[in-house]
PDB file of N, CA and C in Angstrom:
ATOM      1  N   MET A   1      -5.175  -7.934 -13.473  1.00  0.00           N
ATOM      2  CA  MET A   1      -4.846  -9.234 -12.701  1.00  0.00           C
ATOM      3  C   MET A   1      -5.702  -8.816 -11.981  1.00  0.00           C
ATOM      4  N   PRO A   2      -6.862  -8.817 -10.891  1.00  0.00           N
ATOM      5  CA  PRO A   2      -7.205  -8.955  -9.276  1.00  0.00           C
ATOM      6  C   PRO A   2      -6.297  -9.957  -8.798  1.00  0.00           C
ATOM      7  N   LEU A   3      -6.027  -9.486  -7.720  1.00  0.00           N
ATOM      8  CA  LEU A   3      -5.290 -10.535  -6.720  1.00  0.00           C
ATOM      9  C   LEU A   3      -6.253 -11.596  -6.160  1.00  0.00           C
ATOM     10  N   GLU A   4      -5.209 -13.007  -6.225  1.00  0.00           N
ATOM     11  CA  GLU A   4      -5.901 -14.180  -5.840  1.00  0.00           C
ATOM     12  C   GLU A   4      -6.353 -14.574  -4.811  1.00  0.00           C
ATOM     13  N   PRO A   5      -7.595 -15.533  -4.454  1.00  0.00           N
ATOM     14  CA  PRO A   5      -7.654 -15.298  -3.144  1.00  0.00           C
ATOM     15  C   PRO A   5      -7.217 -15.681  -2.147  1.00  0.00           C
ATOM     16  N   ASP A   6      -6.175 -16.183  -2.530  1.00  0.00           N
ATOM     17  CA  ASP A   6      -4.602 -16.741  -1.432  1.00  0.00           C
ATOM     18  C   ASP A   6      -4.098 -15.693  -1.137  1.00  0.00           C
ATOM     19  N   SER A   7      -3.841 -15.253  -2.163  1.00  0.00           N
ATOM     20  CA  SER A   7      -3.188 -13.341  -1.438  1.00  0.00           C
ATOM     21  C   SER A   7      -3.839 -12.471  -0.567  1.00  0.00           C
ATOM     22  N   ILE A   8      -5.081 -12.405  -0.745  1.00  0.00           N
ATOM     23  CA  ILE A   8      -5.970 -11.615  -0.221  1.00  0.00           C
ATOM     24  C   ILE A   8      -6.150 -11.988   1.834  1.00  0.00           C
ATOM     25  N   LYS A   9      -6.191 -13.854   1.437  1.00  0.00           N
ATOM     26  CA  LYS A   9      -6.233 -14.160   2.715  1.00  0.00           C
ATOM     27  C   LYS A   9      -5.126 -13.944   3.478  1.00  0.00           C
ATOM     28  N   TRP A  10      -3.580 -14.013   2.529  1.00  0.00           N
ATOM     29  CA  TRP A  10      -2.137 -13.868   3.124  1.00  0.00           C
ATOM     30  C   TRP A  10      -1.703 -12.393   3.889  1.00  0.00           C
ATOM     31  N   LEU A  11      -3.052 -11.345   2.814  1.00  0.00           N
ATOM     32  CA  LEU A  11      -2.236  -9.856   3.234  1.00  0.00           C
ATOM     33  C   LEU A  11      -3.279  -9.981   4.030  1.00  0.00           C
ATOM     34  N   THR A  12      -4.612 -10.328   4.572  1.00  0.00           N
ATOM     35  CA  THR A  12      -5.975 -10.151   5.609  1.00  0.00           C
ATOM     36  C   THR A  12      -4.887 -10.590   6.750  1.00  0.00           C
ATOM     37  N   SER A  13      -4.084 -11.506   6.628  1.00  0.00           N
ATOM     38  CA  SER A  13      -3.930 -11.985   7.701  1.00  0.00           C
ATOM     39  C   SER A  13      -2.535 -11.202   8.757  1.00  0.00           C
ATOM     40  N   HIS A  14      -1.600 -10.210   7.334  1.00  0.00           N
ATOM     41  CA  HIS A  14      -1.094  -9.743   8.411  1.00  0.00           C
ATOM     42  C   HIS A  14      -1.004  -8.440   8.360  1.00  0.00           C
ATOM     43  N   PHE A  15      -1.598  -7.728   7.779  1.00  0.00           N
ATOM     44  CA  PHE A  15      -1.532  -6.763   7.798  1.00  0.00           C
ATOM     45  C   PHE A  15      -3.420  -6.234   8.432  1.00  0.00           C
ATOM     46  N   LYS A  16      -4.417  -6.884   8.631  1.00  0.00           N
ATOM     47  CA  LYS A  16      -5.432  -6.666   9.291  1.00  0.00           C
ATOM     48  C   LYS A  16      -5.984  -5.242   9.139  1.00  0.00           C
ATOM     49  N   ASP A  17      -5.728  -4.419   9.885  1.00  0.00           N
ATOM     50  CA  ASP A  17      -6.896  -2.788  10.386  1.00  0.00           C
ATOM     51  C   ASP A  17      -5.595  -2.327   8.969  1.00  0.00           C
ATOM     52  N   SER A  18      -4.505  -2.477   8.964  1.00  0.00           N
ATOM     53  CA  SER A  18      -3.825  -1.689   7.594  1.00  0.00           C
ATOM     54  C   SER A  18      -4.290  -1.648   6.247  1.00  0.00           C
ATOM     55  N   ILE A  19      -4.535  -2.245   6.017  1.00  0.00           N
ATOM     56  CA  ILE A  19      -5.306  -2.668   4.242  1.00  0.00           C
ATOM     57  C   ILE A  19      -6.685  -3.027   4.125  1.00  0.00           C
ATOM     58  N   LYS A  20      -6.708  -2.139   3.079  1.00  0.00           N
ATOM     59  CA  LYS A  20      -8.125  -1.895   2.150  1.00  0.00           C
ATOM     60  C   LYS A  20      -7.945  -2.609   1.062  1.00  0.00           C
ATOM     61  N   PHE A  21      -9.005  -2.766   0.439  1.00  0.00           N
ATOM     62  CA  PHE A  21      -9.481  -3.818  -0.571  1.00  0.00           C
ATOM     63  C   PHE A  21     -10.004  -2.811  -1.709  1.00  0.00           C
ATOM     64  N   ASP A  22      -9.680  -2.674  -2.958  1.00  0.00           N
ATOM     65  CA  ASP A  22     -10.516  -2.036  -3.985  1.00  0.00           C
ATOM     66  C   ASP A  22     -10.167  -0.028  -3.229  1.00  0.00           C
ATOM     67  N   GLU A  23      -9.775   0.329  -2.942  1.00  0.00           N
ATOM     68  CA  GLU A  23      -9.708   0.947  -2.314  1.00  0.00           C
ATOM     69  C   GLU A  23      -9.423   2.635  -3.433  1.00  0.00           C
ATOM     70  N   PRO A  24     -10.404   3.649  -3.150  1.00  0.00           N
ATOM     71  CA  PRO A  24     -10.136   4.728  -4.577  1.00  0.00           C
ATOM     72  C   PRO A  24      -8.735   4.943  -4.334  1.00  0.00           C
ATOM     73  N   MET A  25      -8.147   5.597  -4.998  1.00  0.00           N
ATOM     74  CA  MET A  25      -7.323   6.286  -4.711  1.00  0.00           C
ATOM     75  C   MET A  25      -7.250   8.062  -4.439  1.00  0.00           C
ATOM     76  N   SER A  26      -8.401   8.393  -5.055  1.00  0.00           N
ATOM     77  CA  SER A  26      -8.610   9.577  -5.050  1.00  0.00           C
ATOM     78  C   SER A  26      -8.600  10.167  -3.164  1.00  0.00           C
ATOM     79  N   ARG A  27      -8.905   8.973  -2.514  1.00  0.00           N
ATOM     80  CA  ARG A  27      -8.670   9.123  -1.149  1.00  0.00           C
ATOM     81  C   ARG A  27      -6.998   9.160  -0.413  1.00  0.00           C
ATOM     82  N   HIS A  28      -6.249   9.045  -1.472  1.00  0.00           N
ATOM     83  CA  HIS A  28      -5.167   8.904  -1.081  1.00  0.00           C
ATOM     84  C   HIS A  28      -3.917  10.122  -1.682  1.00  0.00           C
ATOM     85  N   THR A  29      -4.823  11.083  -2.841  1.00  0.00           N
ATOM     86  CA  THR A  29      -3.949  12.077  -3.795  1.00  0.00           C
ATOM     87  C   THR A  29      -4.002  13.038  -3.048  1.00  0.00           C
ATOM     88  N   HIS A  30      -3.679  14.386  -3.008  1.00  0.00           N
ATOM     89  CA  HIS A  30      -3.688  15.577  -2.670  1.00  0.00           C
ATOM     90  C   HIS A  30      -5.047  16.267  -3.822  1.00  0.00           C
ATOM     91  N   PHE A  31      -4.962  15.382  -5.061  1.00  0.00           N
ATOM     92  CA  PHE A  31      -5.976  16.389  -6.131  1.00  0.00           C
ATOM     93  C   PHE A  31      -7.300  15.094  -6.123  1.00  0.00           C
ATOM     94  N   LYS A  32      -7.313  14.528  -5.333  1.00  0.00           N
ATOM     95  CA  LYS A  32      -8.354  13.725  -5.021  1.00  0.00           C
ATOM     96  C   LYS A  32      -9.129  12.926  -6.144  1.00  0.00           C
ATOM     97  N   VAL A  33      -7.992  12.485  -7.071  1.00  0.00           N
ATOM     98  CA  VAL A  33      -8.296  12.037  -8.261  1.00  0.00           C
ATOM     99  C   VAL A  33      -7.668  10.387  -8.172  1.00  0.00           C
ATOM    100  N   GLY A  34      -8.357   9.733  -9.304  1.00  0.00           N
ATOM    101  CA  GLY A  34      -8.001   7.962  -9.022  1.00  0.00           C
ATOM    102  C   GLY A  34      -8.639   7.128  -9.120  1.00  0.00           C
ATOM    103  N   GLY A  35      -8.787   6.460  -9.923  1.00  0.00           N
ATOM    104  CA  GLY A  35      -9.846   4.782  -9.337  1.00  0.00           C
ATOM    105  C   GLY A  35      -8.958   4.083  -8.186  1.00  0.00           C
ATOM    106  N   PRO A  36      -9.740   2.970  -8.280  1.00  0.00           N
ATOM    107  CA  PRO A  36      -9.356   1.582  -7.498  1.00  0.00           C
ATOM    108  C   PRO A  36      -8.375   1.419  -7.518  1.00  0.00           C
ATOM    109  N   VAL A  37      -7.171   0.513  -6.261  1.00  0.00           N
ATOM    110  CA  VAL A  37      -6.213  -0.212  -6.577  1.00  0.00           C
ATOM    111  C   VAL A  37      -6.430  -1.041  -5.060  1.00  0.00           C
ATOM    112  N   ASP A  38      -6.137  -2.275  -6.150  1.00  0.00           N
ATOM    113  CA  ASP A  38      -6.943  -3.984  -5.234  1.00  0.00           C
ATOM    114  C   ASP A  38      -6.036  -3.920  -3.997  1.00  0.00           C
ATOM    115  N   ALA A  39      -5.096  -3.401  -3.506  1.00  0.00           N
ATOM    116  CA  ALA A  39      -4.731  -3.224  -2.172  1.00  0.00           C
ATOM    117  C   ALA A  39      -4.197  -2.144  -1.661  1.00  0.00           C
ATOM    118  N   PHE A  40      -4.668  -1.613  -0.645  1.00  0.00           N
ATOM    119  CA  PHE A  40      -4.165  -0.207  -0.148  1.00  0.00           C
ATOM    120  C   PHE A  40      -3.206  -0.564   1.086  1.00  0.00           C
ATOM    121  N   ILE A  41      -2.087  -0.622   1.428  1.00  0.00           N
ATOM    122  CA  ILE A  41      -2.125  -0.901   2.972  1.00  0.00           C
ATOM    123  C   ILE A  41      -0.939  -0.298   3.286  1.00  0.00           C
ATOM    124  N   ALA A  42      -0.860   0.466   4.416  1.00  0.00           N
ATOM    125  CA  ALA A  42      -0.273   1.306   5.343  1.00  0.00           C
ATOM    126  C   ALA A  42       0.969   0.622   6.240  1.00  0.00           C
ATOM    127  N   PRO A  43       1.524   0.486   6.203  1.00  0.00           N
ATOM    128  CA  PRO A  43       2.330  -0.596   6.877  1.00  0.00           C
ATOM    129  C   PRO A  43       2.986   0.477   8.160  1.00  0.00           C
ATOM    130  N   GLU A  44       2.675  -0.704   9.433  1.00  0.00           N
ATOM    131  CA  GLU A  44       2.950  -0.022  10.132  1.00  0.00           C
ATOM    132  C   GLU A  44       4.553   0.000  11.078  1.00  0.00           C
ATOM    133  N   SER A  45       5.348  -0.472  10.252  1.00  0.00           N
ATOM    134  CA  SER A  45       6.894  -0.774  10.824  1.00  0.00           C
ATOM    135  C   SER A  45       7.119  -1.028   9.667  1.00  0.00           C
ATOM    136  N   ARG A  46       8.727  -0.986   9.849  1.00  0.00           N
ATOM    137  CA  ARG A  46       9.806  -1.604   8.893  1.00  0.00           C
ATOM    138  C   ARG A  46       9.529  -2.639   8.415  1.00  0.00           C
ATOM    139  N   GLU A  47       9.586  -3.715   9.935  1.00  0.00           N
ATOM    140  CA  GLU A  47       9.747  -4.953   9.647  1.00  0.00           C
ATOM    141  C   GLU A  47       8.459  -5.424   8.400  1.00  0.00           C
ATOM    142  N   ASP A  48       7.059  -4.745   8.939  1.00  0.00           N
ATOM    143  CA  ASP A  48       5.920  -5.059   7.508  1.00  0.00           C
ATOM    144  C   ASP A  48       6.260  -5.032   6.559  1.00  0.00           C
ATOM    145  N   LEU A  49       6.761  -3.700   6.646  1.00  0.00           N
ATOM    146  CA  LEU A  49       6.995  -3.247   4.820  1.00  0.00           C
ATOM    147  C   LEU A  49       8.200  -4.026   4.295  1.00  0.00           C
ATOM    148  N   THR A  50       9.559  -4.715   5.046  1.00  0.00           N
ATOM    149  CA  THR A  50      10.442  -5.401   4.149  1.00  0.00           C
ATOM    150  C   THR A  50       9.603  -6.752   4.079  1.00  0.00           C
ATOM    151  N   GLN A  51       8.595  -7.156   5.041  1.00  0.00           N
ATOM    152  CA  GLN A  51       8.015  -8.747   4.900  1.00  0.00           C
ATOM    153  C   GLN A  51       6.854  -8.632   3.239  1.00  0.00           C
ATOM    154  N   LEU A  52       6.430  -7.373   3.623  1.00  0.00           N
ATOM    155  CA  LEU A  52       5.135  -7.175   2.032  1.00  0.00           C
ATOM    156  C   LEU A  52       6.348  -7.160   1.005  1.00  0.00           C
ATOM    157  N   VAL A  53       7.467  -6.446   1.033  1.00  0.00           N
ATOM    158  CA  VAL A  53       8.098  -6.250  -0.738  1.00  0.00           C
ATOM    159  C   VAL A  53       8.397  -7.293  -0.818  1.00  0.00           C
ATOM    160  N   ILE A  54       9.202  -8.243   0.430  1.00  0.00           N
ATOM    161  CA  ILE A  54       9.417  -9.351  -0.346  1.00  0.00           C
ATOM    162  C   ILE A  54       8.417 -10.489  -0.704  1.00  0.00           C
ATOM    163  N   TRP A  55       7.487 -10.604   0.080  1.00  0.00           N
ATOM    164  CA  TRP A  55       6.184 -11.174  -0.493  1.00  0.00           C
ATOM    165  C   TRP A  55       5.767 -11.099  -1.508  1.00  0.00           C
ATOM    166  N   THR A  56       5.789  -9.808  -1.882  1.00  0.00           N
ATOM    167  CA  THR A  56       4.902  -9.324  -3.612  1.00  0.00           C
ATOM    168  C   THR A  56       6.220  -9.541  -4.451  1.00  0.00           C
ATOM    169  N   HIS A  57       7.497  -9.741  -4.161  1.00  0.00           N
ATOM    170  CA  HIS A  57       8.376 -10.319  -5.350  1.00  0.00           C
ATOM    171  C   HIS A  57       8.325 -11.767  -5.895  1.00  0.00           C
ATOM    172  N   SER A  58       8.294 -12.158  -4.536  1.00  0.00           N
ATOM    173  CA  SER A  58       8.065 -13.742  -4.599  1.00  0.00           C
ATOM    174  C   SER A  58       7.001 -14.027  -5.395  1.00  0.00           C
ATOM    175  N   LYS A  59       6.055 -13.513  -4.945  1.00  0.00           N
ATOM    176  CA  LYS A  59       4.226 -13.856  -5.937  1.00  0.00           C
ATOM    177  C   LYS A  59       4.444 -12.804  -7.391  1.00  0.00           C
ATOM    178  N   GLY A  60       5.184 -12.198  -7.730  1.00  0.00           N
ATOM    179  CA  GLY A  60       5.138 -11.210  -8.770  1.00  0.00           C
ATOM    180  C   GLY A  60       3.749 -10.585  -9.043  1.00  0.00           C
ATOM    181  N   ILE A  61       3.287  -9.593  -7.454  1.00  0.00           N
ATOM    182  CA  ILE A  61       2.586  -8.811  -7.563  1.00  0.00           C
ATOM    183  C   ILE A  61       3.000  -7.626  -7.956  1.00  0.00           C
ATOM    184  N   PRO A  62       2.247  -6.404  -8.781  1.00  0.00           N
ATOM    185  CA  PRO A  62       3.210  -5.210  -8.957  1.00  0.00           C
ATOM    186  C   PRO A  62       2.766  -4.416  -7.350  1.00  0.00           C
ATOM    187  N   LEU A  63       3.753  -3.592  -7.090  1.00  0.00           N
ATOM    188  CA  LEU A  63       3.887  -3.010  -5.618  1.00  0.00           C
ATOM    189  C   LEU A  63       4.539  -1.268  -6.304  1.00  0.00           C
ATOM    190  N   LEU A  64       3.633  -0.715  -5.617  1.00  0.00           N
ATOM    191  CA  LEU A  64       3.795   0.890  -5.744  1.00  0.00           C
ATOM    192  C   LEU A  64       4.126   0.994  -4.635  1.00  0.00           C
ATOM    193  N   ILE A  65       4.480   1.498  -4.600  1.00  0.00           N
ATOM    194  CA  ILE A  65       5.705   2.448  -2.640  1.00  0.00           C
ATOM    195  C   ILE A  65       5.036   4.235  -2.941  1.00  0.00           C
ATOM    196  N   ILE A  66       4.224   4.645  -2.111  1.00  0.00           N
ATOM    197  CA  ILE A  66       4.198   6.267  -2.224  1.00  0.00           C
ATOM    198  C   ILE A  66       4.583   6.902  -0.834  1.00  0.00           C
ATOM    199  N   GLY A  67       4.502   8.554  -0.869  1.00  0.00           N
ATOM    200  CA  GLY A  67       4.400   9.273   0.081  1.00  0.00           C
ATOM    201  C   GLY A  67       3.075   9.224   0.476  1.00  0.00           C
ATOM    202  N   ASP A  68       2.947  10.949   0.745  1.00  0.00           N
ATOM    203  CA  ASP A  68       1.521  11.197   1.188  1.00  0.00           C
ATOM    204  C   ASP A  68       0.425  11.743   0.330  1.00  0.00           C
ATOM    205  N   GLY A  69       1.064  11.468  -1.491  1.00  0.00           N
ATOM    206  CA  GLY A  69       0.299  11.825  -2.365  1.00  0.00           C
ATOM    207  C   GLY A  69       0.176  12.689  -2.835  1.00  0.00           C
ATOM    208  N   THR A  70       0.906  13.427  -2.521  1.00  0.00           N
ATOM    209  CA  THR A  70       0.885  15.335  -2.800  1.00  0.00           C
ATOM    210  C   THR A  70       1.818  15.437  -4.316  1.00  0.00           C
ATOM    211  N   ASN A  71       2.072  14.146  -4.756  1.00  0.00           N
ATOM    212  CA  ASN A  71       2.606  14.484  -6.212  1.00  0.00           C
ATOM    213  C   ASN A  71       2.461  13.112  -7.291  1.00  0.00           C
ATOM    214  N   LEU A  72       1.051  12.852  -7.126  1.00  0.00           N
ATOM    215  CA  LEU A  72       0.836  11.848  -7.419  1.00  0.00           C
ATOM    216  C   LEU A  72      -0.609  11.736  -8.260  1.00  0.00           C
ATOM    217  N   LEU A  73      -0.894  11.073  -9.428  1.00  0.00           N
ATOM    218  CA  LEU A  73      -2.159  11.301 -10.351  1.00  0.00           C
ATOM    219  C   LEU A  73      -2.318  10.439 -10.603  1.00  0.00           C
ATOM    220  N   VAL A  74      -3.571   9.660 -10.486  1.00  0.00           N
ATOM    221  CA  VAL A  74      -3.400   8.381 -10.673  1.00  0.00           C
ATOM    222  C   VAL A  74      -5.032   8.237 -11.779  1.00  0.00           C
ATOM    223  N   LYS A  75      -4.479   7.812 -13.282  1.00  0.00           N
ATOM    224  CA  LYS A  75      -6.210   7.241 -13.795  1.00  0.00           C
ATOM    225  C   LYS A  75      -7.598   6.789 -12.871  1.00  0.00           C
ATOM    226  N   ASP A  76      -8.308   7.038 -14.047  1.00  0.00           N
ATOM    227  CA  ASP A  76      -9.522   6.809 -12.948  1.00  0.00           C
ATOM    228  C   ASP A  76      -9.729   5.465 -13.395  1.00  0.00           C
ATOM    229  N   HIS A  77      -9.237   3.931 -14.397  1.00  0.00           N
ATOM    230  CA  HIS A  77      -9.543   3.099 -14.172  1.00  0.00           C
ATOM    231  C   HIS A  77      -8.548   2.546 -12.881  1.00  0.00           C
ATOM    232  N   GLY A  78      -7.758   3.332 -11.960  1.00  0.00           N
ATOM    233  CA  GLY A  78      -7.034   2.759 -11.045  1.00  0.00           C
ATOM    234  C   GLY A  78      -5.368   1.977 -11.295  1.00  0.00           C
ATOM    235  N   ILE A  79      -5.264   1.434 -10.270  1.00  0.00           N
ATOM    236  CA  ILE A  79      -4.221   0.591 -10.170  1.00  0.00           C
ATOM    237  C   ILE A  79      -3.966  -1.006  -9.792  1.00  0.00           C
ATOM    238  N   ARG A  80      -3.558  -1.986 -10.730  1.00  0.00           N
ATOM    239  CA  ARG A  80      -3.297  -3.158 -10.584  1.00  0.00           C
ATOM    240  C   ARG A  80      -2.535  -3.562  -9.389  1.00  0.00           C
ATOM    241  N   GLY A  81      -2.665  -4.050  -8.671  1.00  0.00           N
ATOM    242  CA  GLY A  81      -2.146  -4.915  -7.728  1.00  0.00           C
ATOM    243  C   GLY A  81      -1.692  -4.014  -6.242  1.00  0.00           C
ATOM    244  N   ILE A  82      -0.498  -4.109  -5.956  1.00  0.00           N
ATOM    245  CA  ILE A  82      -0.968  -3.033  -4.405  1.00  0.00           C
ATOM    246  C   ILE A  82       0.237  -1.614  -4.333  1.00  0.00           C
ATOM    247  N   VAL A  83      -0.690  -0.682  -3.382  1.00  0.00           N
ATOM    248  CA  VAL A  83       0.052   0.633  -3.655  1.00  0.00           C
ATOM    249  C   VAL A  83       0.239   0.251  -1.670  1.00  0.00           C
ATOM    250  N   VAL A  84       1.619   0.820  -1.395  1.00  0.00           N
ATOM    251  CA  VAL A  84       2.387   0.982   0.073  1.00  0.00           C
ATOM    252  C   VAL A  84       2.306   2.109  -0.001  1.00  0.00           C
ATOM    253  N   ALA A  85       1.365   2.813   1.370  1.00  0.00           N
ATOM    254  CA  ALA A  85       1.951   4.183   1.251  1.00  0.00           C
ATOM    255  C   ALA A  85       2.530   4.298   2.965  1.00  0.00           C
ATOM    256  N   LEU A  86       3.964   5.201   2.760  1.00  0.00           N
ATOM    257  CA  LEU A  86       4.848   4.872   4.085  1.00  0.00           C
ATOM    258  C   LEU A  86       4.608   6.207   4.618  1.00  0.00           C
ATOM    259  N   VAL A  87       3.678   6.240   4.921  1.00  0.00           N
ATOM    260  CA  VAL A  87       3.120   7.450   5.924  1.00  0.00           C
ATOM    261  C   VAL A  87       3.102   6.715   7.703  1.00  0.00           C
ATOM    262  N   ASN A  88       2.705   6.025   7.760  1.00  0.00           N
ATOM    263  CA  ASN A  88       2.953   5.252   9.401  1.00  0.00           C
ATOM    264  C   ASN A  88       4.198   4.972   9.533  1.00  0.00           C
ATOM    265  N   CYS A  89       4.673   3.849   8.840  1.00  0.00           N
ATOM    266  CA  CYS A  89       5.942   3.515   9.273  1.00  0.00           C
ATOM    267  C   CYS A  89       7.093   4.732   9.289  1.00  0.00           C
ATOM    268  N   THR A  90       7.065   5.293   8.047  1.00  0.00           N
ATOM    269  CA  THR A  90       8.521   6.863   8.398  1.00  0.00           C
ATOM    270  C   THR A  90       8.048   7.414   9.361  1.00  0.00           C
ATOM    271  N   LYS A  91       6.813   7.768   9.846  1.00  0.00           N
ATOM    272  CA  LYS A  91       6.409   8.297  11.120  1.00  0.00           C
ATOM    273  C   LYS A  91       7.688   7.753  12.609  1.00  0.00           C
ATOM    274  N   LYS A  92       7.063   6.684  12.300  1.00  0.00           N
ATOM    275  CA  LYS A  92       8.367   5.571  13.289  1.00  0.00           C
ATOM    276  C   LYS A  92       9.861   5.839  13.326  1.00  0.00           C
ATOM    277  N   ILE A  93      10.146   6.005  12.051  1.00  0.00           N
ATOM    278  CA  ILE A  93      11.357   5.369  11.686  1.00  0.00           C
ATOM    279  C   ILE A  93      12.098   6.584  11.715  1.00  0.00           C
ATOM    280  N   SER A  94      11.386   7.652  11.653  1.00  0.00           N
ATOM    281  CA  SER A  94      11.868   9.275  12.028  1.00  0.00           C
ATOM    282  C   SER A  94      11.908   9.632  13.712  1.00  0.00           C
ATOM    283  N   LYS A  95      10.956   8.970  14.534  1.00  0.00           N
ATOM    284  CA  LYS A  95      11.252   9.165  15.891  1.00  0.00           C
ATOM    285  C   LYS A  95      11.781   8.768  16.239  1.00  0.00           C
ATOM    286  N   LYS A  96      12.228   7.539  15.759  1.00  0.00           N
ATOM    287  CA  LYS A  96      13.689   6.521  16.507  1.00  0.00           C
ATOM    288  C   LYS A  96      14.822   7.419  16.126  1.00  0.00           C
ATOM    289  N   ALA A  97      14.780   7.779  15.117  1.00  0.00           N
ATOM    290  CA  ALA A  97      16.462   8.582  14.278  1.00  0.00           C
ATOM    291  C   ALA A  97      16.348  10.118  15.056  1.00  0.00           C
ATOM    292  N   GLY A  98      15.339  10.676  15.700  1.00  0.00           N
ATOM    293  CA  GLY A  98      15.563  11.466  16.506  1.00  0.00           C
ATOM    294  C   GLY A  98      15.266  11.584  17.755  1.00  0.00           C
ATOM    295  N   LYS A  99      15.569  10.540  18.345  1.00  0.00           N
ATOM    296  CA  LYS A  99      16.096  10.707  19.664  1.00  0.00           C
ATOM    297  C   LYS A  99      17.156  11.281  20.256  1.00  0.00           C
TER     298      LYS A  99
END
């Protein structure tokens, strides 16, 4: 089930440059395979990630959290819901921990 217009509006307003709709997962897997996901988000902070998880749970939207895609195979028909890549926000967490 594709995302509803209200959900797209909320996601766009909160994640601006960090979100891509109908994004081919082949761009985010080591083996370069996989169909589109409804929304692909790489949050910039732990706070953004927390807000997204709470929001998707409240809306009943499927959420898949991934790393950098090295151990991921995605079918050609893609993924329904939202895929969250932790690559951006984990870099910031690691930098804070390493102070």
